[in-house]
Full PDB file with SEQRES, HELIX, SHEET, SSBOND, CRYST1, ORIGX, SCALE, CONECT and MASTER records, all heavy atoms in Angstrom:
SEQRES   1 A   41  GLY LEU LEU ALA TYR GLY LEU THR LEU GLY PHE VAL LYS          
SEQRES   2 A   41  VAL LEU HIS GLU LEU GLY HIS GLY LEU MET ALA LYS ARG          
SEQRES   3 A   41  PHE GLY CYS ARG VAL PRO THR MET GLY VAL ALA PHE LEU          
SEQRES   4 A   41  VAL LEU                                                      
HELIX    1 AA1 LEU A    2  ARG A   26  1                                  25    
CRYST1    1.000    1.000    1.000  90.00  90.00  90.00 P 1           1          
ORIGX1      1.000000  0.000000  0.000000        0.00000                         
ORIGX2      0.000000  1.000000  0.000000        0.00000                         
ORIGX3      0.000000  0.000000  1.000000        0.00000                         
SCALE1      1.000000  0.000000  0.000000        0.00000                         
SCALE2      0.000000  1.000000  0.000000        0.00000                         
SCALE3      0.000000  0.000000  1.000000        0.00000                         
ATOM      1  N   GLY A   1      16.098  -3.999 -16.032  1.00  0.00           N  
ATOM      2  CA  GLY A   1      16.064  -2.897 -15.077  1.00  0.00           C  
ATOM      3  C   GLY A   1      14.627  -2.329 -14.876  1.00  0.00           C  
ATOM      4  O   GLY A   1      14.208  -2.028 -13.759  1.00  0.00           O  
ATOM      5  N   LEU A   2      13.957  -2.165 -15.988  1.00  0.00           N  
ATOM      6  CA  LEU A   2      12.553  -1.688 -15.925  1.00  0.00           C  
ATOM      7  C   LEU A   2      11.686  -2.602 -15.125  1.00  0.00           C  
ATOM      8  O   LEU A   2      10.760  -2.253 -14.336  1.00  0.00           O  
ATOM      9  CB  LEU A   2      11.976  -1.379 -17.260  1.00  0.00           C  
ATOM     10  CG  LEU A   2      12.632  -0.167 -17.957  1.00  0.00           C  
ATOM     11  CD1 LEU A   2      12.045  -0.097 -19.451  1.00  0.00           C  
ATOM     12  CD2 LEU A   2      12.464   1.131 -17.313  1.00  0.00           C  
ATOM     13  N   LEU A   3      11.897  -3.941 -15.353  1.00  0.00           N  
ATOM     14  CA  LEU A   3      11.119  -4.963 -14.607  1.00  0.00           C  
ATOM     15  C   LEU A   3      11.477  -4.867 -13.093  1.00  0.00           C  
ATOM     16  O   LEU A   3      10.525  -4.975 -12.281  1.00  0.00           O  
ATOM     17  CB  LEU A   3      11.408  -6.274 -15.152  1.00  0.00           C  
ATOM     18  CG  LEU A   3      10.740  -7.540 -14.398  1.00  0.00           C  
ATOM     19  CD1 LEU A   3       9.219  -7.395 -14.583  1.00  0.00           C  
ATOM     20  CD2 LEU A   3      11.304  -8.869 -14.993  1.00  0.00           C  
ATOM     21  N   ALA A   4      12.670  -4.641 -12.762  1.00  0.00           N  
ATOM     22  CA  ALA A   4      13.094  -4.530 -11.396  1.00  0.00           C  
ATOM     23  C   ALA A   4      12.463  -3.333 -10.753  1.00  0.00           C  
ATOM     24  O   ALA A   4      12.022  -3.262  -9.627  1.00  0.00           O  
ATOM     25  CB  ALA A   4      14.599  -4.530 -11.268  1.00  0.00           C  
ATOM     26  N   TYR A   5      12.385  -2.156 -11.592  1.00  0.00           N  
ATOM     27  CA  TYR A   5      11.785  -0.925 -11.084  1.00  0.00           C  
ATOM     28  C   TYR A   5      10.329  -1.252 -10.750  1.00  0.00           C  
ATOM     29  O   TYR A   5       9.778  -0.815  -9.767  1.00  0.00           O  
ATOM     30  CB  TYR A   5      11.855   0.047 -12.166  1.00  0.00           C  
ATOM     31  CG  TYR A   5      13.052   1.044 -11.976  1.00  0.00           C  
ATOM     32  CD1 TYR A   5      14.088   1.049 -12.939  1.00  0.00           C  
ATOM     33  CD2 TYR A   5      13.026   1.955 -10.977  1.00  0.00           C  
ATOM     34  CE1 TYR A   5      15.127   1.897 -12.868  1.00  0.00           C  
ATOM     35  CE2 TYR A   5      14.165   2.809 -10.839  1.00  0.00           C  
ATOM     36  CZ  TYR A   5      15.160   2.736 -11.783  1.00  0.00           C  
ATOM     37  OH  TYR A   5      16.250   3.609 -11.653  1.00  0.00           O  
ATOM     38  N   GLY A   6       9.653  -1.928 -11.642  1.00  0.00           N  
ATOM     39  CA  GLY A   6       8.194  -2.252 -11.442  1.00  0.00           C  
ATOM     40  C   GLY A   6       8.010  -3.048 -10.110  1.00  0.00           C  
ATOM     41  O   GLY A   6       7.032  -2.749  -9.335  1.00  0.00           O  
ATOM     42  N   LEU A   7       8.726  -4.115 -10.019  1.00  0.00           N  
ATOM     43  CA  LEU A   7       8.670  -4.902  -8.813  1.00  0.00           C  
ATOM     44  C   LEU A   7       8.966  -4.150  -7.542  1.00  0.00           C  
ATOM     45  O   LEU A   7       8.295  -4.316  -6.468  1.00  0.00           O  
ATOM     46  CB  LEU A   7       9.491  -6.169  -8.917  1.00  0.00           C  
ATOM     47  CG  LEU A   7       9.217  -7.089 -10.052  1.00  0.00           C  
ATOM     48  CD1 LEU A   7      10.267  -8.247 -10.102  1.00  0.00           C  
ATOM     49  CD2 LEU A   7       7.785  -7.790  -9.755  1.00  0.00           C  
ATOM     50  N   THR A   8      10.042  -3.282  -7.579  1.00  0.00           N  
ATOM     51  CA  THR A   8      10.383  -2.526  -6.453  1.00  0.00           C  
ATOM     52  C   THR A   8       9.309  -1.503  -6.123  1.00  0.00           C  
ATOM     53  O   THR A   8       8.869  -1.241  -4.929  1.00  0.00           O  
ATOM     54  CB  THR A   8      11.727  -1.709  -6.742  1.00  0.00           C  
ATOM     55  OG1 THR A   8      12.640  -2.623  -7.040  1.00  0.00           O  
ATOM     56  CG2 THR A   8      12.082  -0.908  -5.475  1.00  0.00           C  
ATOM     57  N   LEU A   9       8.660  -0.818  -7.183  1.00  0.00           N  
ATOM     58  CA  LEU A   9       7.603   0.049  -6.935  1.00  0.00           C  
ATOM     59  C   LEU A   9       6.414  -0.637  -6.289  1.00  0.00           C  
ATOM     60  O   LEU A   9       5.789  -0.044  -5.391  1.00  0.00           O  
ATOM     61  CB  LEU A   9       7.275   0.724  -8.220  1.00  0.00           C  
ATOM     62  CG  LEU A   9       6.171   1.873  -8.173  1.00  0.00           C  
ATOM     63  CD1 LEU A   9       6.720   3.007  -7.388  1.00  0.00           C  
ATOM     64  CD2 LEU A   9       5.824   2.350  -9.635  1.00  0.00           C  
ATOM     65  N   GLY A  10       6.033  -1.896  -6.707  1.00  0.00           N  
ATOM     66  CA  GLY A  10       4.944  -2.587  -6.133  1.00  0.00           C  
ATOM     67  C   GLY A  10       5.210  -2.872  -4.635  1.00  0.00           C  
ATOM     68  O   GLY A  10       4.347  -2.677  -3.840  1.00  0.00           O  
ATOM     69  N   PHE A  11       6.493  -3.344  -4.340  1.00  0.00           N  
ATOM     70  CA  PHE A  11       6.834  -3.595  -2.977  1.00  0.00           C  
ATOM     71  C   PHE A  11       6.694  -2.313  -2.079  1.00  0.00           C  
ATOM     72  O   PHE A  11       6.185  -2.350  -0.931  1.00  0.00           O  
ATOM     73  CB  PHE A  11       8.240  -4.162  -2.938  1.00  0.00           C  
ATOM     74  CG  PHE A  11       8.791  -4.312  -1.550  1.00  0.00           C  
ATOM     75  CD1 PHE A  11       8.349  -5.289  -0.663  1.00  0.00           C  
ATOM     76  CD2 PHE A  11       9.791  -3.435  -1.088  1.00  0.00           C  
ATOM     77  CE1 PHE A  11       8.840  -5.402   0.553  1.00  0.00           C  
ATOM     78  CE2 PHE A  11      10.310  -3.564   0.131  1.00  0.00           C  
ATOM     79  CZ  PHE A  11       9.818  -4.612   1.022  1.00  0.00           C  
ATOM     80  N   VAL A  12       7.158  -1.235  -2.613  1.00  0.00           N  
ATOM     81  CA  VAL A  12       7.189  -0.003  -1.808  1.00  0.00           C  
ATOM     82  C   VAL A  12       5.769   0.517  -1.558  1.00  0.00           C  
ATOM     83  O   VAL A  12       5.368   0.979  -0.579  1.00  0.00           O  
ATOM     84  CB  VAL A  12       8.041   1.076  -2.550  1.00  0.00           C  
ATOM     85  CG1 VAL A  12       7.804   2.456  -1.889  1.00  0.00           C  
ATOM     86  CG2 VAL A  12       9.502   0.731  -2.460  1.00  0.00           C  
ATOM     87  N   LYS A  13       4.934   0.330  -2.628  1.00  0.00           N  
ATOM     88  CA  LYS A  13       3.457   0.719  -2.468  1.00  0.00           C  
ATOM     89  C   LYS A  13       2.769  -0.084  -1.344  1.00  0.00           C  
ATOM     90  O   LYS A  13       1.877   0.436  -0.690  1.00  0.00           O  
ATOM     91  CB  LYS A  13       2.776   0.635  -3.754  1.00  0.00           C  
ATOM     92  CG  LYS A  13       3.253   1.673  -4.795  1.00  0.00           C  
ATOM     93  CD  LYS A  13       3.202   3.074  -4.228  1.00  0.00           C  
ATOM     94  CE  LYS A  13       3.767   4.076  -5.212  1.00  0.00           C  
ATOM     95  NZ  LYS A  13       3.826   5.473  -4.706  1.00  0.00           N  
ATOM     96  N   VAL A  14       3.153  -1.308  -1.274  1.00  0.00           N  
ATOM     97  CA  VAL A  14       2.611  -2.153  -0.123  1.00  0.00           C  
ATOM     98  C   VAL A  14       2.995  -1.579   1.176  1.00  0.00           C  
ATOM     99  O   VAL A  14       2.170  -1.391   2.137  1.00  0.00           O  
ATOM    100  CB  VAL A  14       3.052  -3.558  -0.269  1.00  0.00           C  
ATOM    101  CG1 VAL A  14       2.602  -4.360   0.976  1.00  0.00           C  
ATOM    102  CG2 VAL A  14       2.412  -4.230  -1.493  1.00  0.00           C  
ATOM    103  N   LEU A  15       4.238  -1.149   1.330  1.00  0.00           N  
ATOM    104  CA  LEU A  15       4.741  -0.589   2.547  1.00  0.00           C  
ATOM    105  C   LEU A  15       4.091   0.798   2.772  1.00  0.00           C  
ATOM    106  O   LEU A  15       3.771   1.234   3.842  1.00  0.00           O  
ATOM    107  CB  LEU A  15       6.273  -0.362   2.546  1.00  0.00           C  
ATOM    108  CG  LEU A  15       7.091  -1.708   2.491  1.00  0.00           C  
ATOM    109  CD1 LEU A  15       8.559  -1.342   2.427  1.00  0.00           C  
ATOM    110  CD2 LEU A  15       6.796  -2.584   3.625  1.00  0.00           C  
ATOM    111  N   HIS A  16       3.838   1.443   1.676  1.00  0.00           N  
ATOM    112  CA  HIS A  16       3.122   2.766   1.718  1.00  0.00           C  
ATOM    113  C   HIS A  16       1.685   2.571   2.367  1.00  0.00           C  
ATOM    114  O   HIS A  16       1.364   3.396   3.373  1.00  0.00           O  
ATOM    115  CB  HIS A  16       2.927   3.257   0.286  1.00  0.00           C  
ATOM    116  CG  HIS A  16       2.098   4.530   0.181  1.00  0.00           C  
ATOM    117  ND1 HIS A  16       2.673   5.728  -0.191  1.00  0.00           N  
ATOM    118  CD2 HIS A  16       0.789   4.755   0.288  1.00  0.00           C  
ATOM    119  CE1 HIS A  16       1.648   6.681  -0.249  1.00  0.00           C  
ATOM    120  NE2 HIS A  16       0.532   6.060   0.084  1.00  0.00           N  
ATOM    121  N   GLU A  17       1.035   1.565   1.940  1.00  0.00           N  
ATOM    122  CA  GLU A  17      -0.333   1.300   2.529  1.00  0.00           C  
ATOM    123  C   GLU A  17      -0.268   0.917   3.938  1.00  0.00           C  
ATOM    124  O   GLU A  17      -1.107   1.168   4.745  1.00  0.00           O  
ATOM    125  CB  GLU A  17      -1.102   0.289   1.607  1.00  0.00           C  
ATOM    126  CG  GLU A  17      -1.266   0.741   0.167  1.00  0.00           C  
ATOM    127  CD  GLU A  17      -2.004   2.140   0.129  1.00  0.00           C  
ATOM    128  OE1 GLU A  17      -2.895   2.333   0.919  1.00  0.00           O  
ATOM    129  OE2 GLU A  17      -1.644   2.873  -0.786  1.00  0.00           O  
ATOM    130  N   LEU A  18       0.729   0.061   4.268  1.00  0.00           N  
ATOM    131  CA  LEU A  18       0.950  -0.334   5.675  1.00  0.00           C  
ATOM    132  C   LEU A  18       1.240   0.859   6.554  1.00  0.00           C  
ATOM    133  O   LEU A  18       0.761   0.914   7.688  1.00  0.00           O  
ATOM    134  CB  LEU A  18       2.079  -1.363   5.764  1.00  0.00           C  
ATOM    135  CG  LEU A  18       1.798  -2.727   5.247  1.00  0.00           C  
ATOM    136  CD1 LEU A  18       3.004  -3.599   5.401  1.00  0.00           C  
ATOM    137  CD2 LEU A  18       0.619  -3.401   6.074  1.00  0.00           C  
ATOM    138  N   GLY A  19       1.911   1.913   6.002  1.00  0.00           N  
ATOM    139  CA  GLY A  19       2.135   3.088   6.734  1.00  0.00           C  
ATOM    140  C   GLY A  19       0.770   3.762   7.134  1.00  0.00           C  
ATOM    141  O   GLY A  19       0.588   4.223   8.233  1.00  0.00           O  
ATOM    142  N   HIS A  20      -0.185   3.837   6.200  1.00  0.00           N  
ATOM    143  CA  HIS A  20      -1.510   4.363   6.422  1.00  0.00           C  
ATOM    144  C   HIS A  20      -2.190   3.556   7.467  1.00  0.00           C  
ATOM    145  O   HIS A  20      -2.751   4.111   8.391  1.00  0.00           O  
ATOM    146  CB  HIS A  20      -2.362   4.320   5.125  1.00  0.00           C  
ATOM    147  CG  HIS A  20      -2.003   5.465   4.219  1.00  0.00           C  
ATOM    148  ND1 HIS A  20      -2.054   6.730   4.440  1.00  0.00           N  
ATOM    149  CD2 HIS A  20      -1.656   5.253   2.896  1.00  0.00           C  
ATOM    150  CE1 HIS A  20      -1.710   7.448   3.421  1.00  0.00           C  
ATOM    151  NE2 HIS A  20      -1.414   6.595   2.377  1.00  0.00           N  
ATOM    152  N   GLY A  21      -2.101   2.259   7.340  1.00  0.00           N  
ATOM    153  CA  GLY A  21      -2.853   1.332   8.264  1.00  0.00           C  
ATOM    154  C   GLY A  21      -2.271   1.466   9.722  1.00  0.00           C  
ATOM    155  O   GLY A  21      -3.001   1.537  10.669  1.00  0.00           O  
ATOM    156  N   LEU A  22      -0.961   1.410   9.836  1.00  0.00           N  
ATOM    157  CA  LEU A  22      -0.381   1.528  11.121  1.00  0.00           C  
ATOM    158  C   LEU A  22      -0.610   2.873  11.821  1.00  0.00           C  
ATOM    159  O   LEU A  22      -0.868   2.851  13.060  1.00  0.00           O  
ATOM    160  CB  LEU A  22       1.165   1.276  11.059  1.00  0.00           C  
ATOM    161  CG  LEU A  22       1.554  -0.193  10.707  1.00  0.00           C  
ATOM    162  CD1 LEU A  22       3.115  -0.246  10.401  1.00  0.00           C  
ATOM    163  CD2 LEU A  22       1.287  -1.105  11.918  1.00  0.00           C  
ATOM    164  N   MET A  23      -0.567   3.906  11.124  1.00  0.00           N  
ATOM    165  CA  MET A  23      -0.872   5.182  11.652  1.00  0.00           C  
ATOM    166  C   MET A  23      -2.336   5.316  12.110  1.00  0.00           C  
ATOM    167  O   MET A  23      -2.660   5.850  13.177  1.00  0.00           O  
ATOM    168  CB  MET A  23      -0.570   6.285  10.625  1.00  0.00           C  
ATOM    169  CG  MET A  23      -0.773   7.799  11.232  1.00  0.00           C  
ATOM    170  SD  MET A  23       0.330   8.140  12.574  1.00  0.00           S  
ATOM    171  CE  MET A  23       1.865   8.512  11.592  1.00  0.00           C  
ATOM    172  N   ALA A  24      -3.257   4.727  11.304  1.00  0.00           N  
ATOM    173  CA  ALA A  24      -4.579   4.674  11.728  1.00  0.00           C  
ATOM    174  C   ALA A  24      -4.862   3.838  13.010  1.00  0.00           C  
ATOM    175  O   ALA A  24      -5.586   4.234  13.917  1.00  0.00           O  
ATOM    176  CB  ALA A  24      -5.505   4.103  10.570  1.00  0.00           C  
ATOM    177  N   LYS A  25      -4.199   2.726  13.051  1.00  0.00           N  
ATOM    178  CA  LYS A  25      -4.331   1.839  14.284  1.00  0.00           C  
ATOM    179  C   LYS A  25      -3.712   2.642  15.539  1.00  0.00           C  
ATOM    180  O   LYS A  25      -4.198   2.483  16.597  1.00  0.00           O  
ATOM    181  CB  LYS A  25      -3.519   0.564  14.121  1.00  0.00           C  
ATOM    182  CG  LYS A  25      -4.206  -0.354  13.102  1.00  0.00           C  
ATOM    183  CD  LYS A  25      -5.647  -0.691  13.484  1.00  0.00           C  
ATOM    184  CE  LYS A  25      -5.692  -1.484  14.812  1.00  0.00           C  
ATOM    185  NZ  LYS A  25      -7.153  -1.797  15.044  1.00  0.00           N  
ATOM    186  N   ARG A  26      -2.684   3.505  15.276  1.00  0.00           N  
ATOM    187  CA  ARG A  26      -2.053   4.202  16.360  1.00  0.00           C  
ATOM    188  C   ARG A  26      -3.075   5.144  17.030  1.00  0.00           C  
ATOM    189  O   ARG A  26      -3.021   5.441  18.180  1.00  0.00           O  
ATOM    190  CB  ARG A  26      -0.918   4.993  15.783  1.00  0.00           C  
ATOM    191  CG  ARG A  26      -0.038   5.697  16.793  1.00  0.00           C  
ATOM    192  CD  ARG A  26       1.302   6.143  16.139  1.00  0.00           C  
ATOM    193  NE  ARG A  26       2.079   6.790  17.144  1.00  0.00           N  
ATOM    194  CZ  ARG A  26       2.320   8.141  17.208  1.00  0.00           C  
ATOM    195  NH1 ARG A  26       1.749   8.835  16.303  1.00  0.00           N  
ATOM    196  NH2 ARG A  26       3.119   8.674  18.071  1.00  0.00           N  
ATOM    197  N   PHE A  27      -4.003   5.619  16.263  1.00  0.00           N  
ATOM    198  CA  PHE A  27      -5.072   6.516  16.845  1.00  0.00           C  
ATOM    199  C   PHE A  27      -6.331   5.768  17.102  1.00  0.00           C  
ATOM    200  O   PHE A  27      -7.407   6.383  17.326  1.00  0.00           O  
ATOM    201  CB  PHE A  27      -5.361   7.661  15.810  1.00  0.00           C  
ATOM    202  CG  PHE A  27      -4.215   8.527  15.547  1.00  0.00           C  
ATOM    203  CD1 PHE A  27      -3.764   8.873  14.352  1.00  0.00           C  
ATOM    204  CD2 PHE A  27      -3.458   9.093  16.677  1.00  0.00           C  
ATOM    205  CE1 PHE A  27      -2.675   9.739  14.115  1.00  0.00           C  
ATOM    206  CE2 PHE A  27      -2.408   9.879  16.448  1.00  0.00           C  
ATOM    207  CZ  PHE A  27      -1.944  10.246  15.143  1.00  0.00           C  
ATOM    208  N   GLY A  28      -6.297   4.460  17.078  1.00  0.00           N  
ATOM    209  CA  GLY A  28      -7.431   3.617  17.534  1.00  0.00           C  
ATOM    210  C   GLY A  28      -8.488   3.402  16.465  1.00  0.00           C  
ATOM    211  O   GLY A  28      -9.677   2.964  16.773  1.00  0.00           O  
ATOM    212  N   CYS A  29      -8.208   3.574  15.171  1.00  0.00           N  
ATOM    213  CA  CYS A  29      -9.116   3.312  14.112  1.00  0.00           C  
ATOM    214  C   CYS A  29      -9.040   1.944  13.604  1.00  0.00           C  
ATOM    215  O   CYS A  29      -8.005   1.271  13.627  1.00  0.00           O  
ATOM    216  CB  CYS A  29      -8.863   4.351  12.986  1.00  0.00           C  
ATOM    217  SG  CYS A  29      -9.072   6.063  13.402  1.00  0.00           S  
ATOM    218  N   ARG A  30     -10.170   1.417  13.109  1.00  0.00           N  
ATOM    219  CA  ARG A  30     -10.213   0.080  12.540  1.00  0.00           C  
ATOM    220  C   ARG A  30      -9.853   0.231  11.016  1.00  0.00           C  
ATOM    221  O   ARG A  30     -10.219   1.150  10.288  1.00  0.00           O  
ATOM    222  CB  ARG A  30     -11.615  -0.497  12.681  1.00  0.00           C  
ATOM    223  CG  ARG A  30     -11.758  -1.924  12.258  1.00  0.00           C  
ATOM    224  CD  ARG A  30     -13.093  -2.486  12.668  1.00  0.00           C  
ATOM    225  NE  ARG A  30     -14.132  -1.747  11.949  1.00  0.00           N  
ATOM    226  CZ  ARG A  30     -14.718  -2.158  10.834  1.00  0.00           C  
ATOM    227  NH1 ARG A  30     -14.271  -3.318  10.248  1.00  0.00           N  
ATOM    228  NH2 ARG A  30     -15.684  -1.449  10.241  1.00  0.00           N  
ATOM    229  N   VAL A  31      -9.101  -0.774  10.557  1.00  0.00           N  
ATOM    230  CA  VAL A  31      -8.759  -0.831   9.150  1.00  0.00           C  
ATOM    231  C   VAL A  31      -9.385  -2.052   8.503  1.00  0.00           C  
ATOM    232  O   VAL A  31      -8.735  -3.157   8.604  1.00  0.00           O  
ATOM    233  CB  VAL A  31      -7.129  -0.819   8.948  1.00  0.00           C  
ATOM    234  CG1 VAL A  31      -6.791  -0.819   7.516  1.00  0.00           C  
ATOM    235  CG2 VAL A  31      -6.560   0.349   9.680  1.00  0.00           C  
ATOM    236  N   PRO A  32     -10.489  -2.059   7.948  1.00  0.00           N  
ATOM    237  CA  PRO A  32     -11.288  -3.240   7.582  1.00  0.00           C  
ATOM    238  C   PRO A  32     -10.707  -3.928   6.368  1.00  0.00           C  
ATOM    239  O   PRO A  32     -10.601  -5.100   6.284  1.00  0.00           O  
ATOM    240  CB  PRO A  32     -12.673  -2.642   7.247  1.00  0.00           C  
ATOM    241  CG  PRO A  32     -12.478  -1.225   6.978  1.00  0.00           C  
ATOM    242  CD  PRO A  32     -11.315  -0.824   7.823  1.00  0.00           C  
ATOM    243  N   THR A  33     -10.188  -3.222   5.369  1.00  0.00           N  
ATOM    244  CA  THR A  33      -9.700  -3.906   4.074  1.00  0.00           C  
ATOM    245  C   THR A  33      -8.461  -3.206   3.517  1.00  0.00           C  
ATOM    246  O   THR A  33      -8.255  -1.982   3.793  1.00  0.00           O  
ATOM    247  CB  THR A  33     -10.861  -3.917   3.074  1.00  0.00           C  
ATOM    248  OG1 THR A  33     -11.148  -2.583   2.678  1.00  0.00           O  
ATOM    249  CG2 THR A  33     -12.044  -4.687   3.480  1.00  0.00           C  
ATOM    250  N   MET A  34      -7.790  -3.965   2.815  1.00  0.00           N  
ATOM    251  CA  MET A  34      -6.688  -3.516   1.897  1.00  0.00           C  
ATOM    252  C   MET A  34      -6.871  -4.224   0.571  1.00  0.00           C  
ATOM    253  O   MET A  34      -7.377  -5.415   0.558  1.00  0.00           O  
ATOM    254  CB  MET A  34      -5.284  -3.764   2.459  1.00  0.00           C  
ATOM    255  CG  MET A  34      -4.900  -2.966   3.798  1.00  0.00           C  
ATOM    256  SD  MET A  34      -3.336  -3.372   4.445  1.00  0.00           S  
ATOM    257  CE  MET A  34      -2.297  -2.754   3.112  1.00  0.00           C  
ATOM    258  N   GLY A  35      -6.478  -3.617  -0.466  1.00  0.00           N  
ATOM    259  CA  GLY A  35      -6.672  -4.284  -1.732  1.00  0.00           C  
ATOM    260  C   GLY A  35      -5.978  -3.510  -2.857  1.00  0.00           C  
ATOM    261  O   GLY A  35      -4.939  -2.835  -2.744  1.00  0.00           O  
ATOM    262  N   VAL A  36      -6.550  -3.688  -4.058  1.00  0.00           N  
ATOM    263  CA  VAL A  36      -6.011  -3.058  -5.255  1.00  0.00           C  
ATOM    264  C   VAL A  36      -7.149  -2.224  -5.836  1.00  0.00           C  
ATOM    265  O   VAL A  36      -8.233  -2.590  -6.021  1.00  0.00           O  
ATOM    266  CB  VAL A  36      -5.609  -4.072  -6.362  1.00  0.00           C  
ATOM    267  CG1 VAL A  36      -5.163  -3.483  -7.625  1.00  0.00           C  
ATOM    268  CG2 VAL A  36      -4.487  -5.015  -5.796  1.00  0.00           C  
ATOM    269  N   ALA A  37      -6.742  -0.995  -6.178  1.00  0.00           N  
ATOM    270  CA  ALA A  37      -7.620   0.011  -6.833  1.00  0.00           C  
ATOM    271  C   ALA A  37      -7.101   0.136  -8.269  1.00  0.00           C  
ATOM    272  O   ALA A  37      -5.908  -0.050  -8.568  1.00  0.00           O  
ATOM    273  CB  ALA A  37      -7.635   1.350  -6.138  1.00  0.00           C  
ATOM    274  N   PHE A  38      -8.026   0.393  -9.189  1.00  0.00           N  
ATOM    275  CA  PHE A  38      -7.676   0.437 -10.634  1.00  0.00           C  
ATOM    276  C   PHE A  38      -7.974   1.873 -11.122  1.00  0.00           C  
ATOM    277  O   PHE A  38      -9.034   2.416 -11.078  1.00  0.00           O  
ATOM    278  CB  PHE A  38      -8.486  -0.505 -11.443  1.00  0.00           C  
ATOM    279  CG  PHE A  38      -8.079  -1.979 -11.189  1.00  0.00           C  
ATOM    280  CD1 PHE A  38      -8.562  -2.698 -10.174  1.00  0.00           C  
ATOM    281  CD2 PHE A  38      -7.048  -2.544 -12.059  1.00  0.00           C  
ATOM    282  CE1 PHE A  38      -8.167  -4.000  -9.946  1.00  0.00           C  
ATOM    283  CE2 PHE A  38      -6.629  -3.837 -11.823  1.00  0.00           C  
ATOM    284  CZ  PHE A  38      -7.202  -4.567 -10.819  1.00  0.00           C  
ATOM    285  N   LEU A  39      -6.887   2.574 -11.419  1.00  0.00           N  
ATOM    286  CA  LEU A  39      -6.872   3.941 -12.002  1.00  0.00           C  
ATOM    287  C   LEU A  39      -6.737   3.780 -13.551  1.00  0.00           C  
ATOM    288  O   LEU A  39      -5.705   3.578 -14.068  1.00  0.00           O  
ATOM    289  CB  LEU A  39      -5.746   4.748 -11.446  1.00  0.00           C  
ATOM    290  CG  LEU A  39      -5.560   6.152 -12.085  1.00  0.00           C  
ATOM    291  CD1 LEU A  39      -6.744   7.001 -11.846  1.00  0.00           C  
ATOM    292  CD2 LEU A  39      -4.253   6.780 -11.460  1.00  0.00           C  
ATOM    293  N   VAL A  40      -7.949   4.031 -14.202  1.00  0.00           N  
ATOM    294  CA  VAL A  40      -8.011   3.793 -15.695  1.00  0.00           C  
ATOM    295  C   VAL A  40      -7.359   2.438 -15.998  1.00  0.00           C  
ATOM    296  O   VAL A  40      -6.507   2.246 -16.849  1.00  0.00           O  
ATOM    297  CB  VAL A  40      -7.283   4.899 -16.492  1.00  0.00           C  
ATOM    298  CG1 VAL A  40      -7.758   4.881 -17.886  1.00  0.00           C  
ATOM    299  CG2 VAL A  40      -7.590   6.279 -15.877  1.00  0.00           C  
ATOM    300  N   LEU A  41      -7.793   1.357 -15.217  1.00  0.00           N  
ATOM    301  CA  LEU A  41      -7.406   0.032 -15.376  1.00  0.00           C  
ATOM    302  C   LEU A  41      -5.993  -0.270 -14.953  1.00  0.00           C  
ATOM    303  O   LEU A  41      -5.407  -1.342 -15.224  1.00  0.00           O  
ATOM    304  CB  LEU A  41      -7.707  -0.547 -16.681  1.00  0.00           C  
ATOM    305  CG  LEU A  41      -9.169  -0.431 -17.175  1.00  0.00           C  
ATOM    306  CD1 LEU A  41      -9.381  -1.040 -18.539  1.00  0.00           C  
ATOM    307  CD2 LEU A  41     -10.164  -1.071 -16.217  1.00  0.00           C  
TER     308      LEU A  41                                                      
MASTER        0    0    0    1    0    0    0    6  307    1    0    4          
END                                                                             
């Protein structure tokens, strides 16, 4: 169950970032990169 939680959380975070990107494109902004940030690794 915890593994499923982790995979689900990763999937949702990708959609989270797409939400930022789509909203930025809606206002005519360029979205140059997406990637992974490390918070205390």
